[in-house]
Amino acid sequence: MAFLGIASLIAFIVSHVIVLFDFIEEMHEAGRAVPTSHLRAGIGAPAAVLITVGATILALFLWQVTAALWKPLCYAQIGGLAVATSYAVLVPVFYSIAVLD
């Protein structure tokens, strides 16, 4: 069950990175400068990501209390989401390094 949680976690994290990249690209199309768009992506776009992650972690905490079979899946996803969300702040930084070089 933990492996199933990790496999689904990968898709979840990739979708969050896509949201960040899409936000940055929309800012570029709106005519914003590269540093400005990446700064706003680092501050503005994570709000949607944090709301989604917060709701998911809360649901997983409630679910793992009632279903003993699903506990490994819940623990894997809770830990993975917490770590991946903290690293999601670095995505605009790495993207700006790749674009500016």
C-alpha atoms as a PDB file:
ATOM      1  CA  MET A   1       0.000   0.000   0.000  1.00  0.00           C
ATOM      2  CA  ALA A   2       2.888   2.375   0.691  1.00  0.00           C
ATOM      3  CA  PHE A   3       4.204   1.857  -2.838  1.00  0.00           C
ATOM      4  CA  LEU A   4       0.779   2.737  -4.220  1.00  0.00           C
ATOM      5  CA  GLY A   5       0.893   5.924  -2.146  1.00  0.00           C
ATOM      6  CA  ILE A   6       4.323   6.819  -3.507  1.00  0.00           C
ATOM      7  CA  ALA A   7       3.260   6.121  -7.098  1.00  0.00           C
ATOM      8  CA  SER A   8       0.212   8.369  -6.818  1.00  0.00           C
ATOM      9  CA  LEU A   9       2.301  10.978  -5.000  1.00  0.00           C
ATOM     10  CA  ILE A  10       4.558  11.320  -8.032  1.00  0.00           C
ATOM     11  CA  ALA A  11       1.602  12.285 -10.230  1.00  0.00           C
ATOM     12  CA  PHE A  12       0.389  14.739  -7.608  1.00  0.00           C
ATOM     13  CA  ILE A  13       3.774  16.477  -7.365  1.00  0.00           C
ATOM     14  CA  VAL A  14       4.182  16.661 -11.131  1.00  0.00           C
ATOM     15  CA  SER A  15       0.797  18.357 -11.439  1.00  0.00           C
ATOM     16  CA  HIS A  16       1.849  20.961  -8.873  1.00  0.00           C
ATOM     17  CA  VAL A  17       5.051  21.705 -10.776  1.00  0.00           C
ATOM     18  CA  ILE A  18       3.012  22.072 -13.959  1.00  0.00           C
ATOM     19  CA  VAL A  19       0.790  24.617 -12.173  1.00  0.00           C
ATOM     20  CA  LEU A  20       3.882  26.622 -11.232  1.00  0.00           C
ATOM     21  CA  PHE A  21       5.321  26.497 -14.763  1.00  0.00           C
ATOM     22  CA  ASP A  22       1.967  27.487 -16.231  1.00  0.00           C
ATOM     23  CA  PHE A  23       1.751  30.443 -13.851  1.00  0.00           C
ATOM     24  CA  ILE A  24       5.237  31.583 -14.895  1.00  0.00           C
ATOM     25  CA  GLU A  25       4.403  31.250 -18.596  1.00  0.00           C
ATOM     26  CA  GLU A  26       1.176  33.227 -18.173  1.00  0.00           C
ATOM     27  CA  MET A  27       3.168  36.001 -16.521  1.00  0.00           C
ATOM     28  CA  HIS A  28       5.637  35.988 -19.448  1.00  0.00           C
ATOM     29  CA  GLU A  29       2.790  36.234 -21.949  1.00  0.00           C
ATOM     30  CA  ALA A  30       1.328  39.144 -19.997  1.00  0.00           C
ATOM     31  CA  GLY A  31       4.574  41.019 -20.594  1.00  0.00           C
ATOM     32  CA  ARG A  32       6.184  40.685 -17.167  1.00  0.00           C
ATOM     33  CA  ALA A  33       9.965  40.570 -16.902  1.00  0.00           C
ATOM     34  CA  VAL A  34      11.609  37.248 -16.094  1.00  0.00           C
ATOM     35  CA  PRO A  35      12.634  38.077 -12.498  1.00  0.00           C
ATOM     36  CA  THR A  36       9.234  39.589 -11.725  1.00  0.00           C
ATOM     37  CA  SER A  37       7.289  36.634 -13.077  1.00  0.00           C
ATOM     38  CA  HIS A  38       9.421  34.146 -11.177  1.00  0.00           C
ATOM     39  CA  LEU A  39       9.119  36.133  -7.972  1.00  0.00           C
ATOM     40  CA  ARG A  40       5.347  36.285  -8.327  1.00  0.00           C
ATOM     41  CA  ALA A  41       5.251  32.565  -9.114  1.00  0.00           C
ATOM     42  CA  GLY A  42       7.210  31.855  -5.957  1.00  0.00           C
ATOM     43  CA  ILE A  43       4.769  33.908  -3.901  1.00  0.00           C
ATOM     44  CA  GLY A  44       1.414  33.775  -5.701  1.00  0.00           C
ATOM     45  CA  ALA A  45       1.071  30.355  -7.282  1.00  0.00           C
ATOM     46  CA  PRO A  46       1.910  28.330  -4.155  1.00  0.00           C
ATOM     47  CA  ALA A  47      -1.322  29.587  -2.578  1.00  0.00           C
ATOM     48  CA  ALA A  48      -3.344  27.261  -4.801  1.00  0.00           C
ATOM     49  CA  VAL A  49      -0.855  24.471  -4.223  1.00  0.00           C
ATOM     50  CA  LEU A  50      -0.906  24.962  -0.438  1.00  0.00           C
ATOM     51  CA  ILE A  51      -4.702  24.887  -0.309  1.00  0.00           C
ATOM     52  CA  THR A  52      -4.777  21.641  -2.274  1.00  0.00           C
ATOM     53  CA  VAL A  53      -2.016  20.038  -0.227  1.00  0.00           C
ATOM     54  CA  GLY A  54      -3.547  21.169   3.055  1.00  0.00           C
ATOM     55  CA  ALA A  55      -6.923  19.688   2.175  1.00  0.00           C
ATOM     56  CA  THR A  56      -5.305  16.440   1.016  1.00  0.00           C
ATOM     57  CA  ILE A  57      -3.183  16.061   4.156  1.00  0.00           C
ATOM     58  CA  LEU A  58      -6.197  16.757   6.391  1.00  0.00           C
ATOM     59  CA  ALA A  59      -8.254  14.154   4.533  1.00  0.00           C
ATOM     60  CA  LEU A  60      -5.427  11.609   4.772  1.00  0.00           C
ATOM     61  CA  PHE A  61      -5.095  12.187   8.525  1.00  0.00           C
ATOM     62  CA  LEU A  62      -8.819  11.590   8.965  1.00  0.00           C
ATOM     63  CA  TRP A  63      -8.785   8.571   6.669  1.00  0.00           C
ATOM     64  CA  GLN A  64      -5.850   6.811   8.331  1.00  0.00           C
ATOM     65  CA  VAL A  65      -7.679   6.874  11.683  1.00  0.00           C
ATOM     66  CA  THR A  66     -10.584   4.827  10.372  1.00  0.00           C
ATOM     67  CA  ALA A  67      -8.947   2.462   7.876  1.00  0.00           C
ATOM     68  CA  ALA A  68      -6.054   0.354   9.188  1.00  0.00           C
ATOM     69  CA  LEU A  69      -5.313  -1.151   5.767  1.00  0.00           C
ATOM     70  CA  TRP A  70      -4.666   2.279   4.249  1.00  0.00           C
ATOM     71  CA  LYS A  71      -2.314   3.605   6.959  1.00  0.00           C
ATOM     72  CA  PRO A  72       0.926   2.933   5.009  1.00  0.00           C
ATOM     73  CA  LEU A  73      -0.509   4.726   1.976  1.00  0.00           C
ATOM     74  CA  CYS A  74      -1.599   7.667   4.106  1.00  0.00           C
ATOM     75  CA  TYR A  75       1.756   7.961   5.865  1.00  0.00           C
ATOM     76  CA  ALA A  76       3.665   7.802   2.584  1.00  0.00           C
ATOM     77  CA  GLN A  77       1.516  10.507   1.024  1.00  0.00           C
ATOM     78  CA  ILE A  78       1.492  12.776   4.068  1.00  0.00           C
ATOM     79  CA  GLY A  79       5.268  12.675   4.358  1.00  0.00           C
ATOM     80  CA  GLY A  80       5.821  13.014   0.633  1.00  0.00           C
ATOM     81  CA  LEU A  81       3.430  15.936   0.278  1.00  0.00           C
ATOM     82  CA  ALA A  82       5.003  17.764   3.204  1.00  0.00           C
ATOM     83  CA  VAL A  83       8.523  17.389   1.797  1.00  0.00           C
ATOM     84  CA  ALA A  84       7.547  18.064  -1.823  1.00  0.00           C
ATOM     85  CA  THR A  85       5.596  21.184  -0.922  1.00  0.00           C
ATOM     86  CA  SER A  86       8.577  22.611   0.900  1.00  0.00           C
ATOM     87  CA  TYR A  87      10.669  21.985  -2.225  1.00  0.00           C
ATOM     88  CA  ALA A  88       8.005  23.503  -4.492  1.00  0.00           C
ATOM     89  CA  VAL A  89       9.177  26.927  -3.386  1.00  0.00           C
ATOM     90  CA  LEU A  90      12.487  26.200  -5.125  1.00  0.00           C
ATOM     91  CA  VAL A  91      10.919  25.380  -8.507  1.00  0.00           C
ATOM     92  CA  PRO A  92      10.733  29.030  -9.678  1.00  0.00           C
ATOM     93  CA  VAL A  93      14.345  29.529  -8.557  1.00  0.00           C
ATOM     94  CA  PHE A  94      15.596  26.593 -10.615  1.00  0.00           C
ATOM     95  CA  TYR A  95      13.419  27.646 -13.535  1.00  0.00           C
ATOM     96  CA  SER A  96      14.843  31.170 -13.473  1.00  0.00           C
ATOM     97  CA  ILE A  97      18.391  29.777 -13.432  1.00  0.00           C
ATOM     98  CA  ALA A  98      17.583  27.622 -16.468  1.00  0.00           C
ATOM     99  CA  VAL A  99      15.923  30.491 -18.366  1.00  0.00           C
ATOM    100  CA  LEU A 100      18.558  33.114 -17.625  1.00  0.00           C
ATOM    101  CA  ASP A 101      21.470  30.894 -18.678  1.00  0.00           C
END
